[in-house]
C-alpha cells in the first residue's frame, strides 16, 4: 500500500469514527429532550438514521424513531413552533409508545408515522432540544384492551354502572355490571358491536342485552346503550384535540384498534407580561 492510499484509508477511518461519535452525541441530546417531555418515570429510546452519508452534517434524517414505555400523559407532548431559522429535516418521524396512561385511560400501545417534518437545527445544536417547526399529515393506531376499557367505563359511568367487567372477544365488546335504573341496581349483561361517528366518537351498536337475568326487548336494549353513547370521545376522553382524527376501528383478539390520522398542533403562544412592563 502506497503512502497516499494509506493516508486516505486512515483519514476515512478517522472520519467514520468522528461521524459515529457525533451521531451518538446527537442521539443522547435528543434522548434527554424527549425524556423530559414524556416524564422522568418513562423509559425512552431514540434511534436516528441519517439521510445518506452526509445526512448528519446536513441535519437531514431519513428516520427518527422515538420509543416510549410507561408514560403518563394528558396529551401528546409534541407540537409545532413555526418560525424562520436554520432548518433541519426528518423524512419520517415514528412514535412507538407502550403502556401509556393517556388522560387516565390505559392504552396498550400507540404507533404513529409523521412525514415531512422540519425542526429548528439551531436549537437542536446549541440547546440539545428537538423543537419541531412543521410536519405533514401522518397516520396513527391506538390499541386499548379490555382492562383499559373496563377501568375507563367504570370511572366515566360510575353513577350508572358499578361492578363493571369487560371482555373483548369474537369481534364484540361484552359488558357485565350492575345498572342503575330509577335509583335501584339491577344485574345487567350486554353484547355490543362498535361503530365510529364524526371522526371522534365511538358508539355501542347492535346491542343484545339481558336485564335482571331476563332478555331485554330490542327497544330496551337500544335505550340502555343510549345511556352511555357515545361510549368514548377521542377528543375529550383521550385529550387528543387537534392531534388525532378517528377514521375507523377494528376488534382484533382482545384489543380494540383505533385507526386515524395524526397531525401535530401548533403550540400555544405564551404571553409574558414582564416584557411589557
C-alpha atoms as a PDB file:
ATOM      1  CA  UNK A   1       0.000   0.000   0.000  1.00  0.00           C
ATOM      2  CA  UNK A   2       1.465   3.364  -1.034  1.00  0.00           C
ATOM      3  CA  UNK A   3       1.555   6.343   1.329  1.00  0.00           C
ATOM      4  CA  UNK A   4      -1.253   8.219  -0.429  1.00  0.00           C
ATOM      5  CA  UNK A   5      -3.640   5.279  -0.252  1.00  0.00           C
ATOM      6  CA  UNK A   6      -2.663   4.546   3.338  1.00  0.00           C
ATOM      7  CA  UNK A   7      -3.315   8.129   4.430  1.00  0.00           C
ATOM      8  CA  UNK A   8      -6.630   8.116   2.582  1.00  0.00           C
ATOM      9  CA  UNK A   9      -7.757   4.964   4.409  1.00  0.00           C
ATOM     10  CA  UNK A  10      -6.675   6.427   7.746  1.00  0.00           C
ATOM     11  CA  UNK A  11      -8.488   9.688   7.018  1.00  0.00           C
ATOM     12  CA  UNK A  12     -11.659   7.815   6.037  1.00  0.00           C
ATOM     13  CA  UNK A  13     -11.434   5.707   9.197  1.00  0.00           C
ATOM     14  CA  UNK A  14     -10.981   8.808  11.355  1.00  0.00           C
ATOM     15  CA  UNK A  15     -13.935  10.488   9.610  1.00  0.00           C
ATOM     16  CA  UNK A  16     -16.137   7.459  10.323  1.00  0.00           C
ATOM     17  CA  UNK A  17     -15.099   7.426  13.999  1.00  0.00           C
ATOM     18  CA  UNK A  18     -15.891  11.130  14.333  1.00  0.00           C
ATOM     19  CA  UNK A  19     -19.163  10.621  12.461  1.00  0.00           C
ATOM     20  CA  UNK A  20     -20.278   7.780  14.752  1.00  0.00           C
ATOM     21  CA  UNK A  21     -19.234   9.723  17.835  1.00  0.00           C
ATOM     22  CA  UNK A  22     -21.198  12.760  16.679  1.00  0.00           C
ATOM     23  CA  UNK A  23     -24.247  10.593  15.937  1.00  0.00           C
ATOM     24  CA  UNK A  24     -24.171   9.137  19.456  1.00  0.00           C
ATOM     25  CA  UNK A  25     -23.870  12.644  20.899  1.00  0.00           C
ATOM     26  CA  UNK A  26     -26.850  13.871  18.867  1.00  0.00           C
ATOM     27  CA  UNK A  27     -28.923  10.832  19.879  1.00  0.00           C
ATOM     28  CA  UNK A  28     -28.073  11.476  23.527  1.00  0.00           C
ATOM     29  CA  UNK A  29     -29.220  15.098  23.295  1.00  0.00           C
ATOM     30  CA  UNK A  30     -32.429  14.011  21.561  1.00  0.00           C
ATOM     31  CA  UNK A  31     -32.972  11.384  24.270  1.00  0.00           C
ATOM     32  CA  UNK A  32     -32.630  13.975  27.036  1.00  0.00           C
ATOM     33  CA  UNK A  33     -35.082  16.295  25.277  1.00  0.00           C
ATOM     34  CA  UNK A  34     -37.701  13.579  24.636  1.00  0.00           C
ATOM     35  CA  UNK A  35     -37.312  12.072  28.101  1.00  0.00           C
ATOM     36  CA  UNK A  36     -38.057  15.428  29.700  1.00  0.00           C
ATOM     37  CA  UNK A  37     -41.213  15.768  27.593  1.00  0.00           C
ATOM     38  CA  UNK A  38     -42.586  12.286  28.332  1.00  0.00           C
ATOM     39  CA  UNK A  39     -41.770  12.292  32.055  1.00  0.00           C
ATOM     40  CA  UNK A  40     -38.870  11.061  34.144  1.00  0.00           C
ATOM     41  CA  UNK A  41     -40.652   7.801  35.008  1.00  0.00           C
ATOM     42  CA  UNK A  42     -40.892   6.798  31.353  1.00  0.00           C
ATOM     43  CA  UNK A  43     -38.417   4.582  29.531  1.00  0.00           C
ATOM     44  CA  UNK A  44     -37.260   6.292  26.346  1.00  0.00           C
ATOM     45  CA  UNK A  45     -35.176   5.263  23.365  1.00  0.00           C
ATOM     46  CA  UNK A  46     -34.319   7.465  20.378  1.00  0.00           C
ATOM     47  CA  UNK A  47     -32.939   5.959  17.173  1.00  0.00           C
ATOM     48  CA  UNK A  48     -31.771   8.364  14.461  1.00  0.00           C
ATOM     49  CA  UNK A  49     -30.871   7.317  10.916  1.00  0.00           C
ATOM     50  CA  UNK A  50     -29.182   9.996   8.773  1.00  0.00           C
ATOM     51  CA  UNK A  51     -30.309  10.530   5.189  1.00  0.00           C
ATOM     52  CA  UNK A  52     -27.223   9.428   3.282  1.00  0.00           C
ATOM     53  CA  UNK A  53     -23.558   9.648   4.131  1.00  0.00           C
ATOM     54  CA  UNK A  54     -23.624  13.354   4.968  1.00  0.00           C
ATOM     55  CA  UNK A  55     -27.160  13.496   6.358  1.00  0.00           C
ATOM     56  CA  UNK A  56     -25.901  14.024   9.906  1.00  0.00           C
ATOM     57  CA  UNK A  57     -23.788  17.018   8.950  1.00  0.00           C
ATOM     58  CA  UNK A  58     -26.651  18.434   6.856  1.00  0.00           C
ATOM     59  CA  UNK A  59     -29.202  17.965   9.660  1.00  0.00           C
ATOM     60  CA  UNK A  60     -31.207  15.691   7.375  1.00  0.00           C
ATOM     61  CA  UNK A  61     -32.586  12.447   8.805  1.00  0.00           C
ATOM     62  CA  UNK A  62     -34.227   9.574   6.971  1.00  0.00           C
ATOM     63  CA  UNK A  63     -35.914   8.268  10.133  1.00  0.00           C
ATOM     64  CA  UNK A  64     -36.135   9.270  13.756  1.00  0.00           C
ATOM     65  CA  UNK A  65     -37.873   6.678  15.921  1.00  0.00           C
ATOM     66  CA  UNK A  66     -38.992   7.651  19.416  1.00  0.00           C
ATOM     67  CA  UNK A  67     -39.874   4.633  21.586  1.00  0.00           C
ATOM     68  CA  UNK A  68     -41.506   5.236  24.975  1.00  0.00           C
ATOM     69  CA  UNK A  69     -42.738   2.923  27.735  1.00  0.00           C
ATOM     70  CA  UNK A  70     -44.655   3.599  30.934  1.00  0.00           C
ATOM     71  CA  UNK A  71     -45.631   7.205  30.275  1.00  0.00           C
ATOM     72  CA  UNK A  72     -48.484   9.131  31.926  1.00  0.00           C
ATOM     73  CA  UNK A  73     -49.789  11.953  29.753  1.00  0.00           C
ATOM     74  CA  UNK A  74     -52.823  14.198  29.471  1.00  0.00           C
ATOM     75  CA  UNK A  75     -51.904  14.907  25.846  1.00  0.00           C
ATOM     76  CA  UNK A  76     -49.053  14.147  23.483  1.00  0.00           C
ATOM     77  CA  UNK A  77     -46.124  16.489  24.234  1.00  0.00           C
ATOM     78  CA  UNK A  78     -45.376  17.108  20.563  1.00  0.00           C
ATOM     79  CA  UNK A  79     -46.278  20.428  18.974  1.00  0.00           C
ATOM     80  CA  UNK A  80     -45.057  22.771  16.267  1.00  0.00           C
ATOM     81  CA  UNK A  81     -43.203  26.057  16.691  1.00  0.00           C
ATOM     82  CA  UNK A  82     -43.315  27.647  13.210  1.00  0.00           C
ATOM     83  CA  UNK A  83     -40.632  30.259  12.550  1.00  0.00           C
ATOM     84  CA  UNK A  84     -37.772  31.008  10.221  1.00  0.00           C
ATOM     85  CA  UNK A  85     -34.454  29.601  11.356  1.00  0.00           C
ATOM     86  CA  UNK A  86     -31.688  27.209  10.465  1.00  0.00           C
ATOM     87  CA  UNK A  87     -33.766  24.230   9.397  1.00  0.00           C
ATOM     88  CA  UNK A  88     -33.266  20.518   9.840  1.00  0.00           C
ATOM     89  CA  UNK A  89     -35.319  17.845   8.079  1.00  0.00           C
ATOM     90  CA  UNK A  90     -36.792  14.492   9.143  1.00  0.00           C
ATOM     91  CA  UNK A  91     -38.245  12.408   6.295  1.00  0.00           C
ATOM     92  CA  UNK A  92     -40.271  10.333   8.723  1.00  0.00           C
ATOM     93  CA  UNK A  93     -40.826  10.677  12.479  1.00  0.00           C
ATOM     94  CA  UNK A  94     -42.022   7.467  14.135  1.00  0.00           C
ATOM     95  CA  UNK A  95     -43.618   7.136  17.562  1.00  0.00           C
ATOM     96  CA  UNK A  96     -43.843   3.782  19.332  1.00  0.00           C
ATOM     97  CA  UNK A  97     -45.462   4.134  22.740  1.00  0.00           C
ATOM     98  CA  UNK A  98     -46.202   1.169  25.022  1.00  0.00           C
ATOM     99  CA  UNK A  99     -48.082   1.004  28.352  1.00  0.00           C
ATOM    100  CA  UNK A 100     -49.384   4.545  28.155  1.00  0.00           C
ATOM    101  CA  UNK A 101     -51.759   6.202  30.611  1.00  0.00           C
ATOM    102  CA  UNK A 102     -53.465   8.755  28.367  1.00  0.00           C
ATOM    103  CA  UNK A 103     -55.788  11.108  30.246  1.00  0.00           C
ATOM    104  CA  UNK A 104     -56.459   8.302  32.730  1.00  0.00           C
ATOM    105  CA  UNK A 105     -57.127   5.626  30.095  1.00  0.00           C
ATOM    106  CA  UNK A 106     -54.774   2.661  29.934  1.00  0.00           C
ATOM    107  CA  UNK A 107     -53.569   2.411  26.335  1.00  0.00           C
ATOM    108  CA  UNK A 108     -51.705  -0.781  25.451  1.00  0.00           C
ATOM    109  CA  UNK A 109     -49.810   0.844  22.614  1.00  0.00           C
ATOM    110  CA  UNK A 110     -49.783   3.723  20.170  1.00  0.00           C
ATOM    111  CA  UNK A 111     -47.901   3.843  16.872  1.00  0.00           C
ATOM    112  CA  UNK A 112     -47.660   6.875  14.612  1.00  0.00           C
ATOM    113  CA  UNK A 113     -45.802   7.847  11.447  1.00  0.00           C
ATOM    114  CA  UNK A 114     -45.462  11.533  10.581  1.00  0.00           C
ATOM    115  CA  UNK A 115     -43.791  12.509   7.290  1.00  0.00           C
ATOM    116  CA  UNK A 116     -42.025  15.652   6.085  1.00  0.00           C
ATOM    117  CA  UNK A 117     -41.025  17.022   9.478  1.00  0.00           C
ATOM    118  CA  UNK A 118     -38.773  20.038   9.881  1.00  0.00           C
ATOM    119  CA  UNK A 119     -37.106  21.221  13.086  1.00  0.00           C
ATOM    120  CA  UNK A 120     -35.026  24.084  14.429  1.00  0.00           C
ATOM    121  CA  UNK A 121     -31.469  22.935  13.796  1.00  0.00           C
ATOM    122  CA  UNK A 122     -30.002  25.852  15.747  1.00  0.00           C
ATOM    123  CA  UNK A 123     -31.930  24.966  18.901  1.00  0.00           C
ATOM    124  CA  UNK A 124     -31.002  21.312  18.442  1.00  0.00           C
ATOM    125  CA  UNK A 125     -27.282  22.088  18.161  1.00  0.00           C
ATOM    126  CA  UNK A 126     -26.971  24.805  20.832  1.00  0.00           C
ATOM    127  CA  UNK A 127     -29.528  23.606  23.405  1.00  0.00           C
ATOM    128  CA  UNK A 128     -29.985  19.936  22.580  1.00  0.00           C
ATOM    129  CA  UNK A 129     -33.740  20.429  22.151  1.00  0.00           C
ATOM    130  CA  UNK A 130     -35.847  18.889  19.385  1.00  0.00           C
ATOM    131  CA  UNK A 131     -38.167  21.782  18.524  1.00  0.00           C
ATOM    132  CA  UNK A 132     -40.404  20.894  15.584  1.00  0.00           C
ATOM    133  CA  UNK A 133     -41.357  23.569  13.040  1.00  0.00           C
ATOM    134  CA  UNK A 134     -43.660  21.844  10.558  1.00  0.00           C
ATOM    135  CA  UNK A 135     -44.978  18.379   9.733  1.00  0.00           C
ATOM    136  CA  UNK A 136     -47.066  16.578   7.144  1.00  0.00           C
ATOM    137  CA  UNK A 137     -50.240  14.590   7.734  1.00  0.00           C
ATOM    138  CA  UNK A 138     -49.439  11.294   9.416  1.00  0.00           C
ATOM    139  CA  UNK A 139     -51.208   8.131  10.466  1.00  0.00           C
ATOM    140  CA  UNK A 140     -51.708   6.615  13.914  1.00  0.00           C
ATOM    141  CA  UNK A 141     -53.005   3.447  15.547  1.00  0.00           C
ATOM    142  CA  UNK A 142     -54.134   3.217  19.171  1.00  0.00           C
ATOM    143  CA  UNK A 143     -54.805  -0.120  20.895  1.00  0.00           C
ATOM    144  CA  UNK A 144     -56.966  -0.380  24.015  1.00  0.00           C
ATOM    145  CA  UNK A 145     -57.512  -3.713  25.768  1.00  0.00           C
ATOM    146  CA  UNK A 146     -60.327  -4.982  27.970  1.00  0.00           C
ATOM    147  CA  UNK A 147     -58.702  -3.807  31.214  1.00  0.00           C
ATOM    148  CA  UNK A 148     -58.217  -0.268  29.920  1.00  0.00           C
ATOM    149  CA  UNK A 149     -61.780  -0.106  28.576  1.00  0.00           C
ATOM    150  CA  UNK A 150     -63.177  -1.582  31.794  1.00  0.00           C
ATOM    151  CA  UNK A 151     -61.416   0.947  34.028  1.00  0.00           C
ATOM    152  CA  UNK A 152     -62.500   3.785  31.764  1.00  0.00           C
ATOM    153  CA  UNK A 153     -66.189   2.778  31.639  1.00  0.00           C
ATOM    154  CA  UNK A 154     -66.294   2.157  35.398  1.00  0.00           C
ATOM    155  CA  UNK A 155     -64.894   5.632  36.087  1.00  0.00           C
ATOM    156  CA  UNK A 156     -66.802   7.619  33.462  1.00  0.00           C
ATOM    157  CA  UNK A 157     -70.185   5.998  34.130  1.00  0.00           C
ATOM    158  CA  UNK A 158     -69.895   5.410  37.882  1.00  0.00           C
ATOM    159  CA  UNK A 159     -73.370   6.839  38.515  1.00  0.00           C
ATOM    160  CA  UNK A 160     -74.935   4.463  36.023  1.00  0.00           C
ATOM    161  CA  UNK A 161     -72.806   1.317  36.294  1.00  0.00           C
ATOM    162  CA  UNK A 162     -70.957  -0.415  39.105  1.00  0.00           C
ATOM    163  CA  UNK A 163     -69.041  -3.692  39.446  1.00  0.00           C
ATOM    164  CA  UNK A 164     -68.147  -3.349  35.772  1.00  0.00           C
ATOM    165  CA  UNK A 165     -66.480  -6.220  33.904  1.00  0.00           C
ATOM    166  CA  UNK A 166     -65.494  -6.000  30.246  1.00  0.00           C
ATOM    167  CA  UNK A 167     -64.401  -8.652  27.759  1.00  0.00           C
ATOM    168  CA  UNK A 168     -63.314  -8.063  24.180  1.00  0.00           C
ATOM    169  CA  UNK A 169     -63.600 -11.160  22.020  1.00  0.00           C
ATOM    170  CA  UNK A 170     -65.161 -12.560  18.833  1.00  0.00           C
ATOM    171  CA  UNK A 171     -65.430  -9.093  17.325  1.00  0.00           C
ATOM    172  CA  UNK A 172     -67.645  -7.758  20.130  1.00  0.00           C
ATOM    173  CA  UNK A 173     -67.451  -5.988  23.475  1.00  0.00           C
ATOM    174  CA  UNK A 174     -69.152  -7.767  26.388  1.00  0.00           C
ATOM    175  CA  UNK A 175     -70.127  -5.726  29.435  1.00  0.00           C
ATOM    176  CA  UNK A 176     -71.424  -7.138  32.721  1.00  0.00           C
ATOM    177  CA  UNK A 177     -72.347  -4.757  35.542  1.00  0.00           C
ATOM    178  CA  UNK A 178     -74.950  -3.525  37.958  1.00  0.00           C
ATOM    179  CA  UNK A 179     -77.169  -0.980  36.168  1.00  0.00           C
ATOM    180  CA  UNK A 180     -78.837   1.913  37.977  1.00  0.00           C
ATOM    181  CA  UNK A 181     -82.480   2.280  36.950  1.00  0.00           C
ATOM    182  CA  UNK A 182     -84.505   4.887  38.829  1.00  0.00           C
ATOM    183  CA  UNK A 183     -82.303   4.511  41.908  1.00  0.00           C
ATOM    184  CA  UNK A 184     -82.314   0.705  42.002  1.00  0.00           C
ATOM    185  CA  UNK A 185     -79.450  -1.528  40.875  1.00  0.00           C
ATOM    186  CA  UNK A 186     -80.135  -4.454  38.548  1.00  0.00           C
ATOM    187  CA  UNK A 187     -77.785  -7.089  37.119  1.00  0.00           C
ATOM    188  CA  UNK A 188     -77.020  -6.281  33.520  1.00  0.00           C
ATOM    189  CA  UNK A 189     -75.179  -8.030  30.671  1.00  0.00           C
ATOM    190  CA  UNK A 190     -74.719  -6.815  27.142  1.00  0.00           C
ATOM    191  CA  UNK A 191     -73.001  -7.724  23.878  1.00  0.00           C
ATOM    192  CA  UNK A 192     -72.161  -4.825  21.582  1.00  0.00           C
ATOM    193  CA  UNK A 193     -70.527  -4.029  18.287  1.00  0.00           C
ATOM    194  CA  UNK A 194     -68.694  -0.716  17.907  1.00  0.00           C
ATOM    195  CA  UNK A 195     -69.002   2.000  15.291  1.00  0.00           C
ATOM    196  CA  UNK A 196     -67.274   5.312  14.573  1.00  0.00           C
ATOM    197  CA  UNK A 197     -69.130   8.567  14.093  1.00  0.00           C
ATOM    198  CA  UNK A 198     -67.983  12.103  13.400  1.00  0.00           C
ATOM    199  CA  UNK A 199     -64.264  11.214  13.265  1.00  0.00           C
ATOM    200  CA  UNK A 200     -64.067  11.284  17.069  1.00  0.00           C
ATOM    201  CA  UNK A 201     -66.891   9.287  18.688  1.00  0.00           C
ATOM    202  CA  UNK A 202     -67.180   5.552  19.408  1.00  0.00           C
ATOM    203  CA  UNK A 203     -70.712   4.183  19.817  1.00  0.00           C
ATOM    204  CA  UNK A 204     -72.022   0.906  21.185  1.00  0.00           C
ATOM    205  CA  UNK A 205     -74.046  -0.639  18.344  1.00  0.00           C
ATOM    206  CA  UNK A 206     -76.330  -3.651  17.769  1.00  0.00           C
ATOM    207  CA  UNK A 207     -76.943  -4.216  21.496  1.00  0.00           C
ATOM    208  CA  UNK A 208     -78.073  -7.597  22.794  1.00  0.00           C
ATOM    209  CA  UNK A 209     -78.920  -7.101  26.460  1.00  0.00           C
ATOM    210  CA  UNK A 210     -80.224  -9.061  29.421  1.00  0.00           C
ATOM    211  CA  UNK A 211     -81.534  -7.161  32.435  1.00  0.00           C
ATOM    212  CA  UNK A 212     -82.220  -8.702  35.829  1.00  0.00           C
ATOM    213  CA  UNK A 213     -81.402 -12.108  34.273  1.00  0.00           C
ATOM    214  CA  UNK A 214     -84.081 -11.696  31.584  1.00  0.00           C
ATOM    215  CA  UNK A 215     -83.569 -10.977  27.858  1.00  0.00           C
ATOM    216  CA  UNK A 216     -84.400  -7.357  27.142  1.00  0.00           C
ATOM    217  CA  UNK A 217     -86.508  -6.230  24.216  1.00  0.00           C
ATOM    218  CA  UNK A 218     -84.862  -4.567  21.250  1.00  0.00           C
ATOM    219  CA  UNK A 219     -86.228  -1.204  22.340  1.00  0.00           C
ATOM    220  CA  UNK A 220     -84.969  -1.583  25.898  1.00  0.00           C
ATOM    221  CA  UNK A 221     -81.563  -2.786  24.655  1.00  0.00           C
ATOM    222  CA  UNK A 222     -81.215   0.332  22.497  1.00  0.00           C
ATOM    223  CA  UNK A 223     -82.331   2.534  25.380  1.00  0.00           C
ATOM    224  CA  UNK A 224     -79.677   1.048  27.661  1.00  0.00           C
ATOM    225  CA  UNK A 225     -76.964   1.585  25.036  1.00  0.00           C
ATOM    226  CA  UNK A 226     -78.151   5.147  24.559  1.00  0.00           C
ATOM    227  CA  UNK A 227     -77.413   5.872  28.224  1.00  0.00           C
ATOM    228  CA  UNK A 228     -73.668   5.540  27.606  1.00  0.00           C
ATOM    229  CA  UNK A 229     -73.365   6.529  23.935  1.00  0.00           C
ATOM    230  CA  UNK A 230     -71.013   7.760  22.728  1.00  0.00           C
ATOM    231  CA  UNK A 231     -69.040   5.440  24.971  1.00  0.00           C
ATOM    232  CA  UNK A 232     -65.735   7.127  24.016  1.00  0.00           C
ATOM    233  CA  UNK A 233     -64.829  10.568  22.695  1.00  0.00           C
ATOM    234  CA  UNK A 234     -61.254  10.569  21.409  1.00  0.00           C
ATOM    235  CA  UNK A 235     -61.061  14.353  21.803  1.00  0.00           C
ATOM    236  CA  UNK A 236     -62.253  14.890  25.381  1.00  0.00           C
ATOM    237  CA  UNK A 237     -61.603  11.423  26.838  1.00  0.00           C
ATOM    238  CA  UNK A 238     -58.150  10.901  25.313  1.00  0.00           C
ATOM    239  CA  UNK A 239     -57.072  14.549  25.209  1.00  0.00           C
ATOM    240  CA  UNK A 240     -56.242  14.373  21.502  1.00  0.00           C
ATOM    241  CA  UNK A 241     -57.856  17.619  20.380  1.00  0.00           C
ATOM    242  CA  UNK A 242     -56.393  18.662  17.033  1.00  0.00           C
ATOM    243  CA  UNK A 243     -53.972  15.706  17.062  1.00  0.00           C
ATOM    244  CA  UNK A 244     -55.863  12.507  16.208  1.00  0.00           C
ATOM    245  CA  UNK A 245     -58.767  12.191  13.767  1.00  0.00           C
ATOM    246  CA  UNK A 246     -60.518   8.838  14.120  1.00  0.00           C
ATOM    247  CA  UNK A 247     -61.190   7.106  10.796  1.00  0.00           C
ATOM    248  CA  UNK A 248     -62.106   3.526  11.674  1.00  0.00           C
ATOM    249  CA  UNK A 249     -61.746   0.811  14.291  1.00  0.00           C
ATOM    250  CA  UNK A 250     -61.460  -2.937  14.404  1.00  0.00           C
ATOM    251  CA  UNK A 251     -61.544  -5.560  17.121  1.00  0.00           C
ATOM    252  CA  UNK A 252     -58.531  -7.833  16.964  1.00  0.00           C
ATOM    253  CA  UNK A 253     -58.408 -10.574  19.570  1.00  0.00           C
ATOM    254  CA  UNK A 254     -58.895  -8.924  22.957  1.00  0.00           C
ATOM    255  CA  UNK A 255     -57.992  -5.407  21.822  1.00  0.00           C
ATOM    256  CA  UNK A 256     -59.684  -2.555  20.002  1.00  0.00           C
ATOM    257  CA  UNK A 257     -57.549  -0.878  17.351  1.00  0.00           C
ATOM    258  CA  UNK A 258     -58.427   2.742  16.579  1.00  0.00           C
ATOM    259  CA  UNK A 259     -57.083   3.957  13.229  1.00  0.00           C
ATOM    260  CA  UNK A 260     -56.823   7.568  12.181  1.00  0.00           C
ATOM    261  CA  UNK A 261     -54.745  10.482  11.015  1.00  0.00           C
ATOM    262  CA  UNK A 262     -52.143  12.222  13.154  1.00  0.00           C
ATOM    263  CA  UNK A 263     -51.454  15.934  12.972  1.00  0.00           C
ATOM    264  CA  UNK A 264     -49.138  17.876  15.228  1.00  0.00           C
ATOM    265  CA  UNK A 265     -50.784  21.059  16.561  1.00  0.00           C
ATOM    266  CA  UNK A 266     -49.164  24.469  16.679  1.00  0.00           C
ATOM    267  CA  UNK A 267     -48.006  25.227  20.228  1.00  0.00           C
ATOM    268  CA  UNK A 268     -49.977  27.829  22.129  1.00  0.00           C
ATOM    269  CA  UNK A 269     -48.180  31.149  22.359  1.00  0.00           C
ATOM    270  CA  UNK A 270     -47.421  32.120  25.955  1.00  0.00           C
ATOM    271  CA  UNK A 271     -47.793  35.784  26.769  1.00  0.00           C
ATOM    272  CA  UNK A 272     -45.096  37.225  29.019  1.00  0.00           C
ATOM    273  CA  UNK A 273     -46.417  40.336  30.828  1.00  0.00           C
ATOM    274  CA  UNK A 274     -42.986  41.165  32.249  1.00  0.00           C
ATOM    275  CA  UNK A 275     -41.714  42.118  28.796  1.00  0.00           C
ATOM    276  CA  UNK A 276     -44.383  44.838  28.547  1.00  0.00           C
ATOM    277  CA  UNK A 277     -43.713  46.342  31.963  1.00  0.00           C
END
